[in-house]
Amino acid sequence: MSQAASLNKNDQYEYRLANNQKKGNQDSNEY
């Protein structure tokens, strides 16, 4: 996830959200 480190906080959220959807992870409480 070194790519996400260079993004601003809002983009990190979108990035992680997209990753979780890709993995089928519906637990949004990880944020």
N, C-alpha and C. Protein backbone atom coordinates (compact mmCIF):
# COMPACT_ATOMS: atom_id res chain seq x y z
N MET A 1 0.83 -1.21 0.00
CA MET A 1 0.00 0.00 0.00
C MET A 1 0.86 1.25 0.00
N SER A 2 2.07 1.19 -0.49
CA SER A 2 2.93 2.38 -0.49
C SER A 2 2.39 3.46 -1.41
N GLN A 3 1.58 3.06 -2.39
CA GLN A 3 0.98 4.06 -3.29
C GLN A 3 0.06 4.99 -2.51
N ALA A 4 -0.72 4.44 -1.60
CA ALA A 4 -1.71 5.22 -0.86
C ALA A 4 -1.05 6.26 0.04
N ALA A 5 0.19 5.99 0.44
CA ALA A 5 0.88 6.90 1.35
C ALA A 5 1.11 8.27 0.73
N SER A 6 1.17 8.33 -0.59
CA SER A 6 1.43 9.60 -1.26
C SER A 6 0.15 10.37 -1.56
N LEU A 7 -0.99 9.75 -1.31
CA LEU A 7 -2.27 10.41 -1.58
C LEU A 7 -2.70 11.23 -0.36
N ASN A 8 -3.56 12.22 -0.61
CA ASN A 8 -4.08 12.97 0.54
C ASN A 8 -5.11 12.13 1.28
N LYS A 9 -5.54 12.58 2.43
CA LYS A 9 -6.36 11.75 3.31
C LYS A 9 -7.66 11.31 2.63
N ASN A 10 -8.29 12.22 1.91
CA ASN A 10 -9.56 11.88 1.25
C ASN A 10 -9.34 10.82 0.18
N ASP A 11 -8.26 10.96 -0.58
CA ASP A 11 -7.95 9.97 -1.62
C ASP A 11 -7.60 8.63 -1.00
N GLN A 12 -6.95 8.64 0.15
CA GLN A 12 -6.64 7.39 0.83
C GLN A 12 -7.92 6.65 1.18
N TYR A 13 -8.92 7.39 1.65
CA TYR A 13 -10.20 6.77 1.99
C TYR A 13 -10.83 6.12 0.77
N GLU A 14 -10.86 6.85 -0.35
CA GLU A 14 -11.43 6.32 -1.58
C GLU A 14 -10.64 5.10 -2.06
N TYR A 15 -9.32 5.18 -1.95
CA TYR A 15 -8.44 4.09 -2.38
C TYR A 15 -8.71 2.82 -1.56
N ARG A 16 -8.79 3.00 -0.24
CA ARG A 16 -9.03 1.85 0.63
C ARG A 16 -10.43 1.30 0.43
N LEU A 17 -11.39 2.21 0.21
CA LEU A 17 -12.76 1.78 -0.03
C LEU A 17 -12.83 0.91 -1.28
N ALA A 18 -12.16 1.36 -2.34
CA ALA A 18 -12.15 0.60 -3.59
C ALA A 18 -11.46 -0.74 -3.40
N ASN A 19 -10.37 -0.75 -2.64
CA ASN A 19 -9.64 -2.00 -2.38
C ASN A 19 -10.50 -2.98 -1.60
N ASN A 20 -11.22 -2.49 -0.61
CA ASN A 20 -12.07 -3.37 0.19
C ASN A 20 -13.20 -3.94 -0.65
N GLN A 21 -13.74 -3.15 -1.56
CA GLN A 21 -14.79 -3.66 -2.43
C GLN A 21 -14.24 -4.72 -3.37
N LYS A 22 -13.02 -4.51 -3.84
CA LYS A 22 -12.39 -5.49 -4.73
C LYS A 22 -12.20 -6.82 -4.02
N LYS A 23 -11.82 -6.75 -2.75
CA LYS A 23 -11.58 -7.97 -1.98
C LYS A 23 -12.88 -8.59 -1.45
N GLY A 24 -14.00 -7.89 -1.63
CA GLY A 24 -15.26 -8.37 -1.10
C GLY A 24 -15.36 -8.14 0.40
N ASN A 25 -14.56 -7.23 0.91
CA ASN A 25 -14.57 -6.93 2.35
C ASN A 25 -15.60 -5.84 2.62
N GLN A 26 -16.67 -6.20 3.30
CA GLN A 26 -17.75 -5.25 3.53
C GLN A 26 -17.67 -4.63 4.92
N ASP A 27 -16.58 -4.87 5.65
CA ASP A 27 -16.43 -4.31 6.98
C ASP A 27 -15.83 -2.91 6.88
N SER A 28 -16.69 -1.91 6.90
CA SER A 28 -16.22 -0.54 6.74
C SER A 28 -15.72 0.05 8.06
N ASN A 29 -15.78 -0.72 9.13
CA ASN A 29 -15.34 -0.23 10.44
C ASN A 29 -13.82 -0.21 10.57
N GLU A 30 -13.12 -0.69 9.56
CA GLU A 30 -11.66 -0.70 9.62
C GLU A 30 -11.07 0.70 9.52
N TYR A 31 -11.84 1.65 9.00
CA TYR A 31 -11.35 3.01 8.92
C TYR A 31 -11.42 3.62 10.30
